[in-house]
C-alpha atoms as a PDB file:
ATOM      1  CA  MET A   1     -41.401 -95.664  27.583  1.00  0.00           C
ATOM      2  CA  ALA A   2     -43.067 -93.856  24.298  1.00  0.00           C
ATOM      3  CA  THR A   3     -46.318 -92.424  24.584  1.00  0.00           C
ATOM      4  CA  ILE A   4     -49.122 -92.854  22.095  1.00  0.00           C
ATOM      5  CA  ALA A   5     -48.256 -89.479  20.576  1.00  0.00           C
ATOM      6  CA  ASP A   6     -44.800 -90.546  20.135  1.00  0.00           C
ATOM      7  CA  GLU A   7     -45.827 -93.601  18.352  1.00  0.00           C
ATOM      8  CA  ILE A   8     -48.060 -91.507  15.907  1.00  0.00           C
ATOM      9  CA  LYS A   9     -45.426 -89.243  15.238  1.00  0.00           C
ATOM     10  CA  ASP A  10     -42.951 -91.965  14.370  1.00  0.00           C
ATOM     11  CA  SER A  11     -45.608 -94.004  12.411  1.00  0.00           C
ATOM     12  CA  PHE A  12     -46.234 -90.701  10.490  1.00  0.00           C
ATOM     13  CA  ARG A  13     -42.415 -89.998   9.908  1.00  0.00           C
ATOM     14  CA  LYS A  14     -41.790 -93.748   8.923  1.00  0.00           C
ATOM     15  CA  GLY A  15     -45.028 -94.145   6.859  1.00  0.00           C
ATOM     16  CA  SER A  16     -45.395 -94.214   3.021  1.00  0.00           C
ATOM     17  CA  ALA A  17     -47.232 -91.328   1.280  1.00  0.00           C
ATOM     18  CA  VAL A  18     -50.697 -93.193   1.430  1.00  0.00           C
ATOM     19  CA  THR A  19     -50.022 -93.164   5.627  1.00  0.00           C
ATOM     20  CA  LYS A  20     -49.225 -89.676   5.426  1.00  0.00           C
ATOM     21  CA  LEU A  21     -52.071 -88.667   3.362  1.00  0.00           C
ATOM     22  CA  ILE A  22     -54.629 -90.739   5.649  1.00  0.00           C
ATOM     23  CA  TYR A  23     -52.855 -89.205   8.927  1.00  0.00           C
ATOM     24  CA  ILE A  24     -53.424 -85.806   7.531  1.00  0.00           C
ATOM     25  CA  ASN A  25     -57.201 -85.970   6.336  1.00  0.00           C
ATOM     26  CA  LEU A  26     -57.797 -87.924   9.732  1.00  0.00           C
ATOM     27  CA  GLY A  27     -56.114 -85.261  11.782  1.00  0.00           C
ATOM     28  CA  VAL A  28     -57.869 -82.377  10.030  1.00  0.00           C
ATOM     29  CA  PHE A  29     -61.306 -84.322  10.439  1.00  0.00           C
ATOM     30  CA  LEU A  30     -60.763 -85.032  14.211  1.00  0.00           C
ATOM     31  CA  LEU A  31     -59.924 -81.035  14.566  1.00  0.00           C
ATOM     32  CA  VAL A  32     -62.964 -80.242  12.797  1.00  0.00           C
ATOM     33  CA  ILE A  33     -65.141 -82.477  15.142  1.00  0.00           C
ATOM     34  CA  ILE A  34     -63.593 -81.268  18.320  1.00  0.00           C
ATOM     35  CA  LEU A  35     -64.206 -77.689  17.255  1.00  0.00           C
ATOM     36  CA  PHE A  36     -67.788 -78.387  16.510  1.00  0.00           C
ATOM     37  CA  GLY A  37     -68.141 -80.281  19.719  1.00  0.00           C
ATOM     38  CA  ILE A  38     -66.935 -77.234  21.808  1.00  0.00           C
ATOM     39  CA  TYR A  39     -69.258 -75.117  19.728  1.00  0.00           C
ATOM     40  CA  ALA A  40     -72.392 -77.187  20.179  1.00  0.00           C
ATOM     41  CA  LEU A  41     -71.736 -77.405  23.908  1.00  0.00           C
ATOM     42  CA  ALA A  42     -71.017 -73.553  24.162  1.00  0.00           C
ATOM     43  CA  THR A  43     -74.024 -72.087  22.405  1.00  0.00           C
ATOM     44  CA  PRO A  44     -77.628 -72.153  23.296  1.00  0.00           C
ATOM     45  CA  ALA A  45     -80.150 -73.993  20.946  1.00  0.00           C
ATOM     46  CA  ALA A  46     -81.329 -72.315  17.847  1.00  0.00           C
ATOM     47  CA  PRO A  47     -83.937 -72.546  15.028  1.00  0.00           C
ATOM     48  CA  ILE A  48     -81.178 -73.187  12.511  1.00  0.00           C
ATOM     49  CA  PRO A  49     -79.422 -76.360  13.104  1.00  0.00           C
ATOM     50  CA  LYS A  50     -75.953 -75.909  14.739  1.00  0.00           C
ATOM     51  CA  LYS A  51     -74.324 -77.999  11.996  1.00  0.00           C
ATOM     52  CA  ASN A  52     -75.356 -75.138   9.173  1.00  0.00           C
ATOM     53  CA  ILE A  53     -74.371 -72.665  11.688  1.00  0.00           C
ATOM     54  CA  PHE A  54     -70.766 -74.085  11.990  1.00  0.00           C
ATOM     55  CA  TYR A  55     -70.787 -74.636   8.171  1.00  0.00           C
ATOM     56  CA  GLY A  56     -71.195 -70.900   7.664  1.00  0.00           C
ATOM     57  CA  ASN A  57     -69.033 -69.606  10.517  1.00  0.00           C
ATOM     58  CA  PHE A  58     -65.906 -71.957  10.222  1.00  0.00           C
ATOM     59  CA  LEU A  59     -65.837 -74.478   7.280  1.00  0.00           C
ATOM     60  CA  ASN A  60     -67.089 -71.963   4.993  1.00  0.00           C
ATOM     61  CA  TYR A  61     -63.519 -70.303   5.113  1.00  0.00           C
ATOM     62  CA  LEU A  62     -62.012 -73.766   4.066  1.00  0.00           C
ATOM     63  CA  MET A  63     -64.268 -75.065   1.501  1.00  0.00           C
ATOM     64  CA  LEU A  64     -64.027 -74.643  -2.203  1.00  0.00           C
ATOM     65  CA  HIS A  65     -66.699 -72.213  -3.425  1.00  0.00           C
ATOM     66  CA  THR A  66     -68.507 -72.469  -6.595  1.00  0.00           C
ATOM     67  CA  ASP A  67     -69.334 -68.735  -6.159  1.00  0.00           C
ATOM     68  CA  LEU A  68     -66.582 -66.814  -8.006  1.00  0.00           C
ATOM     69  CA  LYS A  69     -67.109 -63.713  -5.927  1.00  0.00           C
ATOM     70  CA  LEU A  70     -66.482 -65.863  -2.628  1.00  0.00           C
ATOM     71  CA  LEU A  71     -63.732 -67.847  -4.269  1.00  0.00           C
ATOM     72  CA  ILE A  72     -61.644 -64.821  -5.199  1.00  0.00           C
ATOM     73  CA  THR A  73     -61.528 -63.937  -1.572  1.00  0.00           C
ATOM     74  CA  ARG A  74     -60.712 -67.456  -0.166  1.00  0.00           C
ATOM     75  CA  PRO A  75     -58.704 -69.050  -3.076  1.00  0.00           C
ATOM     76  CA  TRP A  76     -56.881 -71.445  -0.748  1.00  0.00           C
ATOM     77  CA  GLY A  77     -60.120 -73.597  -0.885  1.00  0.00           C
ATOM     78  CA  ILE A  78     -58.947 -75.190  -3.989  1.00  0.00           C
ATOM     79  CA  ILE A  79     -56.295 -76.892  -1.637  1.00  0.00           C
ATOM     80  CA  THR A  80     -57.819 -76.981   1.652  1.00  0.00           C
ATOM     81  CA  TYR A  81     -60.959 -78.598   0.578  1.00  0.00           C
ATOM     82  CA  MET A  82     -59.490 -81.707  -0.541  1.00  0.00           C
ATOM     83  CA  PHE A  83     -58.349 -82.552   3.032  1.00  0.00           C
ATOM     84  CA  LEU A  84     -61.791 -81.347   4.698  1.00  0.00           C
ATOM     85  CA  HIS A  85     -64.481 -83.895   5.878  1.00  0.00           C
ATOM     86  CA  PHE A  86     -67.305 -83.247   8.343  1.00  0.00           C
ATOM     87  CA  GLU A  87     -69.201 -86.737   8.008  1.00  0.00           C
ATOM     88  CA  PHE A  88     -68.043 -89.933   9.370  1.00  0.00           C
ATOM     89  CA  LEU A  89     -68.898 -92.120   6.373  1.00  0.00           C
ATOM     90  CA  HIS A  90     -67.612 -89.638   3.969  1.00  0.00           C
ATOM     91  CA  ILE A  91     -63.873 -89.738   5.368  1.00  0.00           C
ATOM     92  CA  LEU A  92     -64.171 -93.465   5.934  1.00  0.00           C
ATOM     93  CA  PHE A  93     -64.962 -94.372   2.208  1.00  0.00           C
ATOM     94  CA  ASN A  94     -62.483 -91.891   1.003  1.00  0.00           C
ATOM     95  CA  MET A  95     -59.675 -93.257   3.197  1.00  0.00           C
ATOM     96  CA  LEU A  96     -60.625 -96.736   2.421  1.00  0.00           C
ATOM     97  CA  TRP A  97     -60.270 -96.173  -1.394  1.00  0.00           C
ATOM     98  CA  LEU A  98     -57.088 -94.219  -0.808  1.00  0.00           C
ATOM     99  CA  PHE A  99     -55.529 -97.126   1.136  1.00  0.00           C
ATOM    100  CA  TRP A 100     -56.523 -99.732  -1.110  1.00  0.00           C
ATOM    101  CA  PHE A 101     -55.660 -98.129  -4.398  1.00  0.00           C
ATOM    102  CA  GLY A 102     -52.632 -95.934  -2.998  1.00  0.00           C
ATOM    103  CA  ARG A 103     -50.814 -99.163  -2.187  1.00  0.00           C
ATOM    104  CA  ILE A 104     -51.353-100.669  -5.568  1.00  0.00           C
ATOM    105  CA  PHE A 105     -50.015 -97.178  -6.981  1.00  0.00           C
ATOM    106  CA  LEU A 106     -46.788 -97.249  -4.859  1.00  0.00           C
ATOM    107  CA  HIS A 107     -46.098-100.605  -6.134  1.00  0.00           C
ATOM    108  CA  TYR A 108     -45.613 -99.284  -9.541  1.00  0.00           C
ATOM    109  CA  LEU A 109     -45.163 -95.714  -9.163  1.00  0.00           C
ATOM    110  CA  THR A 110     -43.332 -93.298  -6.635  1.00  0.00           C
ATOM    111  CA  GLU A 111     -44.372 -91.629  -3.704  1.00  0.00           C
ATOM    112  CA  LYS A 112     -44.015 -88.071  -5.384  1.00  0.00           C
ATOM    113  CA  GLN A 113     -46.035 -88.930  -8.206  1.00  0.00           C
ATOM    114  CA  LEU A 114     -49.012 -90.182  -5.530  1.00  0.00           C
ATOM    115  CA  TYR A 115     -48.751 -86.752  -3.725  1.00  0.00           C
ATOM    116  CA  THR A 116     -48.642 -85.051  -7.073  1.00  0.00           C
ATOM    117  CA  THR A 117     -51.846 -87.007  -8.233  1.00  0.00           C
ATOM    118  CA  TYR A 118     -53.772 -86.364  -5.057  1.00  0.00           C
ATOM    119  CA  LEU A 119     -53.118 -82.631  -5.137  1.00  0.00           C
ATOM    120  CA  LEU A 120     -53.491 -82.203  -8.846  1.00  0.00           C
ATOM    121  CA  GLY A 121     -56.359 -84.599  -9.126  1.00  0.00           C
ATOM    122  CA  GLY A 122     -57.952 -82.612  -6.453  1.00  0.00           C
ATOM    123  CA  ILE A 123     -57.390 -79.113  -8.035  1.00  0.00           C
ATOM    124  CA  ALA A 124     -58.746 -80.615 -11.420  1.00  0.00           C
ATOM    125  CA  GLY A 125     -61.875 -81.826  -9.761  1.00  0.00           C
ATOM    126  CA  GLY A 126     -62.321 -78.484  -7.992  1.00  0.00           C
ATOM    127  CA  VAL A 127     -61.889 -76.688 -11.260  1.00  0.00           C
ATOM    128  CA  LEU A 128     -64.493 -78.673 -13.188  1.00  0.00           C
ATOM    129  CA  LEU A 129     -66.759 -78.288 -10.604  1.00  0.00           C
ATOM    130  CA  VAL A 130     -66.412 -74.439 -10.352  1.00  0.00           C
ATOM    131  CA  LEU A 131     -66.783 -74.165 -14.129  1.00  0.00           C
ATOM    132  CA  ALA A 132     -69.898 -76.421 -14.244  1.00  0.00           C
ATOM    133  CA  TYR A 133     -71.630 -74.269 -11.747  1.00  0.00           C
ATOM    134  CA  ASN A 134     -70.707 -71.139 -13.424  1.00  0.00           C
ATOM    135  CA  VAL A 135     -71.720 -72.723 -17.061  1.00  0.00           C
ATOM    136  CA  LEU A 136     -74.328 -74.925 -16.582  1.00  0.00           C
ATOM    137  CA  PRO A 137     -77.652 -73.407 -15.925  1.00  0.00           C
ATOM    138  CA  GLY A 138     -79.019 -76.567 -14.321  1.00  0.00           C
ATOM    139  CA  LEU A 139     -76.233 -76.110 -11.593  1.00  0.00           C
ATOM    140  CA  SER A 140     -76.795 -72.681 -10.717  1.00  0.00           C
ATOM    141  CA  ASP A 141     -77.596 -73.194  -7.325  1.00  0.00           C
ATOM    142  CA  TYR A 142     -74.596 -72.245  -5.187  1.00  0.00           C
ATOM    143  CA  LEU A 143     -72.906 -74.995  -3.253  1.00  0.00           C
ATOM    144  CA  PRO A 144     -69.551 -75.071  -1.903  1.00  0.00           C
ATOM    145  CA  ALA A 145     -67.474 -78.329  -1.751  1.00  0.00           C
ATOM    146  CA  LEU A 146     -65.280 -80.334   0.674  1.00  0.00           C
ATOM    147  CA  GLY A 147     -63.775 -83.821   0.493  1.00  0.00           C
ATOM    148  CA  ALA A 148     -60.965 -85.883  -0.766  1.00  0.00           C
ATOM    149  CA  SER A 149     -62.963 -87.661  -3.329  1.00  0.00           C
ATOM    150  CA  ALA A 150     -61.574 -85.994  -6.550  1.00  0.00           C
ATOM    151  CA  SER A 151     -58.018 -86.612  -5.491  1.00  0.00           C
ATOM    152  CA  VAL A 152     -58.831 -90.041  -4.585  1.00  0.00           C
ATOM    153  CA  SER A 153     -60.606 -90.488  -7.833  1.00  0.00           C
ATOM    154  CA  ALA A 154     -57.448 -89.341  -9.409  1.00  0.00           C
ATOM    155  CA  ILE A 155     -55.286 -92.039  -7.804  1.00  0.00           C
ATOM    156  CA  VAL A 156     -57.778 -94.560  -8.488  1.00  0.00           C
ATOM    157  CA  ILE A 157     -58.262 -93.937 -11.918  1.00  0.00           C
ATOM    158  CA  ALA A 158     -54.548 -93.371 -12.776  1.00  0.00           C
ATOM    159  CA  ILE A 159     -53.366 -96.630 -11.326  1.00  0.00           C
ATOM    160  CA  SER A 160     -56.343 -98.456 -12.787  1.00  0.00           C
ATOM    161  CA  PHE A 161     -55.240 -97.097 -16.348  1.00  0.00           C
ATOM    162  CA  TYR A 162     -51.545 -97.498 -15.990  1.00  0.00           C
ATOM    163  CA  SER A 163     -51.686-101.127 -14.687  1.00  0.00           C
ATOM    164  CA  PRO A 164     -55.253-102.284 -15.884  1.00  0.00           C
ATOM    165  CA  ASP A 165     -54.541-105.735 -15.629  1.00  0.00           C
ATOM    166  CA  TYR A 166     -53.908-105.879 -11.860  1.00  0.00           C
ATOM    167  CA  SER A 167     -56.147-107.882 -10.145  1.00  0.00           C
ATOM    168  CA  VAL A 168     -57.496-107.682  -6.495  1.00  0.00           C
ATOM    169  CA  TYR A 169     -59.727-110.119  -4.835  1.00  0.00           C
ATOM    170  CA  ILE A 170     -63.342-109.352  -3.885  1.00  0.00           C
ATOM    171  CA  PRO A 171     -65.200-111.648  -1.408  1.00  0.00           C
ATOM    172  CA  LEU A 172     -67.973-113.685  -2.807  1.00  0.00           C
ATOM    173  CA  ILE A 173     -66.703-112.494  -6.380  1.00  0.00           C
ATOM    174  CA  GLY A 174     -63.079-113.413  -6.745  1.00  0.00           C
ATOM    175  CA  PRO A 175     -60.162-111.816  -8.779  1.00  0.00           C
ATOM    176  CA  VAL A 176     -61.167-108.666 -10.390  1.00  0.00           C
ATOM    177  CA  LYS A 177     -59.066-106.564 -12.601  1.00  0.00           C
ATOM    178  CA  ILE A 178     -58.837-102.942 -11.178  1.00  0.00           C
ATOM    179  CA  LYS A 179     -59.669-101.538 -14.720  1.00  0.00           C
ATOM    180  CA  TYR A 180     -63.289-102.969 -14.323  1.00  0.00           C
ATOM    181  CA  ILE A 181     -63.426-101.411 -10.885  1.00  0.00           C
ATOM    182  CA  ALA A 182     -62.304 -97.941 -12.518  1.00  0.00           C
ATOM    183  CA  LEU A 183     -65.101 -98.229 -15.103  1.00  0.00           C
ATOM    184  CA  LEU A 184     -67.689 -99.088 -12.521  1.00  0.00           C
ATOM    185  CA  PHE A 185     -66.417 -96.063 -10.344  1.00  0.00           C
ATOM    186  CA  ILE A 186     -66.709 -93.818 -13.346  1.00  0.00           C
ATOM    187  CA  ALA A 187     -70.234 -95.114 -14.242  1.00  0.00           C
ATOM    188  CA  LEU A 188     -71.799 -94.609 -10.674  1.00  0.00           C
ATOM    189  CA  ASP A 189     -70.289 -91.207 -10.683  1.00  0.00           C
ATOM    190  CA  VAL A 190     -72.272 -90.251 -14.072  1.00  0.00           C
ATOM    191  CA  LEU A 191     -75.455 -92.049 -13.022  1.00  0.00           C
ATOM    192  CA  MET A 192     -75.645 -90.303  -9.616  1.00  0.00           C
ATOM    193  CA  ILE A 193     -75.360 -87.052 -11.163  1.00  0.00           C
ATOM    194  CA  VAL A 194     -78.710 -87.495 -12.458  1.00  0.00           C
ATOM    195  CA  ASN A 195     -82.168 -88.115 -10.120  1.00  0.00           C
ATOM    196  CA  THR A 196     -85.211 -88.398 -12.298  1.00  0.00           C
ATOM    197  CA  ASN A 197     -87.253 -88.142  -8.937  1.00  0.00           C
ATOM    198  CA  SER A 198     -86.096 -84.716  -8.036  1.00  0.00           C
ATOM    199  CA  ALA A 199     -87.592 -81.261  -9.062  1.00  0.00           C
ATOM    200  CA  SER A 200     -84.283 -80.419 -10.709  1.00  0.00           C
ATOM    201  CA  GLY A 201     -83.762 -83.709 -12.173  1.00  0.00           C
ATOM    202  CA  LEU A 202     -80.032 -83.924 -10.668  1.00  0.00           C
ATOM    203  CA  GLY A 203     -78.879 -85.740  -7.479  1.00  0.00           C
ATOM    204  CA  SER A 204     -78.363 -84.157  -4.350  1.00  0.00           C
ATOM    205  CA  ASN A 205     -74.697 -84.392  -4.625  1.00  0.00           C
ATOM    206  CA  ALA A 206     -74.390 -83.903  -8.470  1.00  0.00           C
ATOM    207  CA  GLY A 207     -71.812 -81.219  -7.952  1.00  0.00           C
ATOM    208  CA  GLY A 208     -69.773 -83.712  -5.711  1.00  0.00           C
ATOM    209  CA  HIS A 209     -69.829 -86.324  -8.572  1.00  0.00           C
ATOM    210  CA  ILE A 210     -68.841 -83.726 -11.002  1.00  0.00           C
ATOM    211  CA  ALA A 211     -65.690 -83.072  -8.816  1.00  0.00           C
ATOM    212  CA  HIS A 212     -65.007 -86.791  -9.042  1.00  0.00           C
ATOM    213  CA  LEU A 213     -64.971 -86.646 -12.704  1.00  0.00           C
ATOM    214  CA  GLY A 214     -62.638 -83.926 -12.790  1.00  0.00           C
ATOM    215  CA  GLY A 215     -60.281 -85.961 -10.749  1.00  0.00           C
ATOM    216  CA  ALA A 216     -60.777 -89.109 -12.709  1.00  0.00           C
ATOM    217  CA  LEU A 217     -60.048 -87.287 -15.992  1.00  0.00           C
ATOM    218  CA  TYR A 218     -56.664 -85.976 -14.437  1.00  0.00           C
ATOM    219  CA  GLY A 219     -55.786 -89.322 -13.283  1.00  0.00           C
ATOM    220  CA  TYR A 220     -56.667 -90.687 -16.875  1.00  0.00           C
ATOM    221  CA  LEU A 221     -54.307 -88.119 -18.512  1.00  0.00           C
ATOM    222  CA  PHE A 222     -51.674 -88.782 -15.974  1.00  0.00           C
ATOM    223  CA  ALA A 223     -51.743 -92.695 -16.716  1.00  0.00           C
ATOM    224  CA  LEU A 224     -51.878 -91.946 -20.493  1.00  0.00           C
ATOM    225  CA  GLN A 225     -49.147 -89.617 -20.682  1.00  0.00           C
ATOM    226  CA  LEU A 226     -46.729 -91.578 -18.382  1.00  0.00           C
ATOM    227  CA  LYS A 227     -47.120 -94.580 -20.639  1.00  0.00           C
ATOM    228  CA  ARG A 228     -45.876 -92.422 -23.283  1.00  0.00           C
ATOM    229  CA  GLY A 229     -42.855 -91.387 -21.387  1.00  0.00           C
ATOM    230  CA  LYS A 230     -44.243 -88.241 -19.917  1.00  0.00           C
ATOM    231  CA  ASP A 231     -45.000 -87.318 -16.376  1.00  0.00           C
ATOM    232  CA  ILE A 232     -47.341 -84.439 -16.776  1.00  0.00           C
ATOM    233  CA  GLY A 233     -47.095 -83.781 -12.946  1.00  0.00           C
ATOM    234  CA  LYS A 234     -43.433 -83.379 -12.938  1.00  0.00           C
ATOM    235  CA  SER A 235     -43.350 -79.559 -13.314  1.00  0.00           C
ATOM    236  CA  PHE A 236     -45.815 -79.456 -10.383  1.00  0.00           C
ATOM    237  CA  SER A 237     -43.868 -81.516  -8.524  1.00  0.00           C
ATOM    238  CA  GLY A 238     -40.618 -79.603  -8.912  1.00  0.00           C
ATOM    239  CA  TRP A 239     -42.356 -76.249  -8.047  1.00  0.00           C
ATOM    240  CA  MET A 240     -43.554 -78.011  -4.868  1.00  0.00           C
ATOM    241  CA  ASP A 241     -39.671 -79.166  -4.321  1.00  0.00           C
ATOM    242  CA  SER A 242     -38.833 -75.513  -4.675  1.00  0.00           C
ATOM    243  CA  LEU A 243     -41.484 -74.226  -2.220  1.00  0.00           C
ATOM    244  CA  ALA A 244     -40.575 -76.676   0.345  1.00  0.00           C
ATOM    245  CA  SER A 245     -36.927 -75.879   0.153  1.00  0.00           C
ATOM    246  CA  LEU A 246     -37.731 -72.386   1.086  1.00  0.00           C
ATOM    247  CA  PHE A 247     -38.920 -73.675   4.402  1.00  0.00           C
ATOM    248  CA  SER A 248     -36.294 -76.163   5.022  1.00  0.00           C
ATOM    249  CA  ARG A 249     -33.233 -74.759   3.798  1.00  0.00           C
ATOM    250  CA  LYS A 250     -31.881 -72.924   7.094  1.00  0.00           C
ATOM    251  CA  SER A 251     -32.406 -76.074   8.924  1.00  0.00           C
ATOM    252  CA  ARG A 252     -30.475 -78.078   6.260  1.00  0.00           C
ATOM    253  CA  MET A 253     -27.558 -75.629   6.642  1.00  0.00           C
ATOM    254  CA  ARG A 254     -27.534 -76.293  10.224  1.00  0.00           C
ATOM    255  CA  VAL A 255     -27.632 -80.236  10.336  1.00  0.00           C
ATOM    256  CA  SER A 256     -26.378 -81.420   6.985  1.00  0.00           C
ATOM    257  CA  TYR A 257     -23.080 -83.095   7.388  1.00  0.00           C
ATOM    258  CA  LYS A 258     -22.085 -80.586   9.948  1.00  0.00           C
ATOM    259  CA  SER A 259     -20.220 -82.615  12.344  1.00  0.00           C
ATOM    260  CA  LYS A 260     -18.556 -84.951   9.723  1.00  0.00           C
ATOM    261  CA  ALA A 261     -17.589 -82.027   7.415  1.00  0.00           C
ATOM    262  CA  SER A 262     -15.661 -80.308  10.092  1.00  0.00           C
ATOM    263  CA  GLN A 263     -13.521 -83.456  10.379  1.00  0.00           C
ATOM    264  CA  MET A 264     -12.742 -83.792   6.566  1.00  0.00           C
ATOM    265  CA  ASP A 265     -10.921 -82.348   3.634  1.00  0.00           C
ATOM    266  CA  ASP A 266     -12.692 -81.251   0.527  1.00  0.00           C
ATOM    267  CA  PHE A 267     -11.793 -84.471  -1.226  1.00  0.00           C
ATOM    268  CA  GLU A 268     -13.261 -86.725   1.663  1.00  0.00           C
ATOM    269  CA  TYR A 269     -16.461 -84.452   1.888  1.00  0.00           C
ATOM    270  CA  ASN A 270     -17.342 -84.710  -1.627  1.00  0.00           C
ATOM    271  CA  LYS A 271     -16.722 -88.152  -1.544  1.00  0.00           C
ATOM    272  CA  PHE A 272     -18.980 -88.570   1.410  1.00  0.00           C
ATOM    273  CA  ARG A 273     -21.587 -86.643  -0.230  1.00  0.00           C
ATOM    274  CA  ALA A 274     -21.471 -88.447  -3.460  1.00  0.00           C
ATOM    275  CA  GLU A 275     -21.873 -92.065  -1.452  1.00  0.00           C
ATOM    276  CA  HIS A 276     -24.609 -90.601   0.549  1.00  0.00           C
ATOM    277  CA  GLN A 277     -26.519 -89.669  -2.771  1.00  0.00           C
ATOM    278  CA  LYS A 278     -25.757 -92.766  -4.623  1.00  0.00           C
ATOM    279  CA  GLU A 279     -27.249 -94.849  -1.720  1.00  0.00           C
ATOM    280  CA  ILE A 280     -30.578 -92.473  -1.719  1.00  0.00           C
ATOM    281  CA  ASP A 281     -30.868 -92.890  -5.595  1.00  0.00           C
ATOM    282  CA  ARG A 282     -30.539 -96.743  -5.380  1.00  0.00           C
ATOM    283  CA  ILE A 283     -33.355 -96.876  -2.777  1.00  0.00           C
ATOM    284  CA  LEU A 284     -35.493 -94.456  -4.822  1.00  0.00           C
ATOM    285  CA  ASP A 285     -35.146 -96.203  -7.855  1.00  0.00           C
ATOM    286  CA  LYS A 286     -36.093 -99.573  -6.050  1.00  0.00           C
ATOM    287  CA  ILE A 287     -39.250 -97.865  -4.741  1.00  0.00           C
ATOM    288  CA  ALA A 288     -40.168 -96.786  -8.203  1.00  0.00           C
ATOM    289  CA  LYS A 289     -39.581-100.005  -9.846  1.00  0.00           C
ATOM    290  CA  SER A 290     -41.192-102.107  -6.925  1.00  0.00           C
ATOM    291  CA  GLY A 291     -42.878 -99.969  -4.537  1.00  0.00           C
ATOM    292  CA  TYR A 292     -42.223 -98.732  -0.802  1.00  0.00           C
ATOM    293  CA  ASP A 293     -42.913-102.229   0.334  1.00  0.00           C
ATOM    294  CA  SER A 294     -40.307-103.918  -1.476  1.00  0.00           C
ATOM    295  CA  LEU A 295     -37.604-102.196   0.766  1.00  0.00           C
ATOM    296  CA  SER A 296     -35.871-104.344   3.324  1.00  0.00           C
ATOM    297  CA  LYS A 297     -35.910-103.230   7.064  1.00  0.00           C
ATOM    298  CA  LYS A 298     -32.556-101.912   6.963  1.00  0.00           C
ATOM    299  CA  GLU A 299     -33.200 -99.855   3.784  1.00  0.00           C
ATOM    300  CA  LYS A 300     -36.299 -98.200   5.330  1.00  0.00           C
ATOM    301  CA  GLU A 301     -34.395 -97.206   8.192  1.00  0.00           C
ATOM    302  CA  THR A 302     -31.286 -95.915   5.910  1.00  0.00           C
ATOM    303  CA  LEU A 303     -33.939 -93.738   3.821  1.00  0.00           C
ATOM    304  CA  PHE A 304     -35.466 -92.440   7.192  1.00  0.00           C
ATOM    305  CA  LYS A 305     -31.950 -91.437   8.673  1.00  0.00           C
ATOM    306  CA  MET A 306     -30.910 -90.104   5.227  1.00  0.00           C
ATOM    307  CA  SER A 307     -34.255 -88.016   4.916  1.00  0.00           C
ATOM    308  CA  ASN A 308     -33.469 -86.667   8.459  1.00  0.00           C
ATOM    309  CA  ASN A 309     -29.961 -85.766   7.756  1.00  0.00           C
ATOM    310  CA  SER A 310     -30.167 -84.646   4.196  1.00  0.00           C
END
């Protein structure tokens, strides 16, 4: 009988890119909350809130730092920050947006493009945030960043401009084209940078909204260029594939076709490989045209088996 852990692992392996990204974000969130709980229980009360101490002693090493001196010593923050959350509502809304618009994204584009848009959107948001804090005098107060918002913004804006007339149903309103949701999304970020009631004239999370706009900018450029026949994330995606192959090459050499190859001559082996690749290409083409959900149950099983044996 399968355990809950086994079911989660199976769901992760068979899930779409959207499912995997949500699982990763939730997994990191739960780990952080558990560690904070242990810290809170194991340490005595202090004048400074334990949340602030935990930020400084642990999350500080995973967040994106706008202070260049700290950023240089923790450059991995440009990646880790986009998977890091500490507030429940923060991750809830990020994952809801990722789920809703990620599914639309996969209806038209590929899973690899979704991963690339998530990562490059997060990097673009982080770069714009760091530049803003080091160039604009009004943002001189040091503030690290965390959260998937910039990455999610990139996905929302990318698919909204790639397929602007796609409609979603909103209760009490009815069908709404996603291009209008995207425009509202951007407008709210711009408006929330400013707060006329604060001493600085800026909102409490002005930096976060600037990062959102950086992700949105990447998403817009990605959609614009893709409509012109150019995938600006393709080189990055290829680099990621090369990096991943360094870690998987050994296991593939042990597993791929080993039992069957030993029973085949060269002609049969090459034919088997060609047929195998042809079937993968057919399924991937179908995903690219109609999305992962368009696959039949048999095709999903075939893709899963082939991915484990290739």
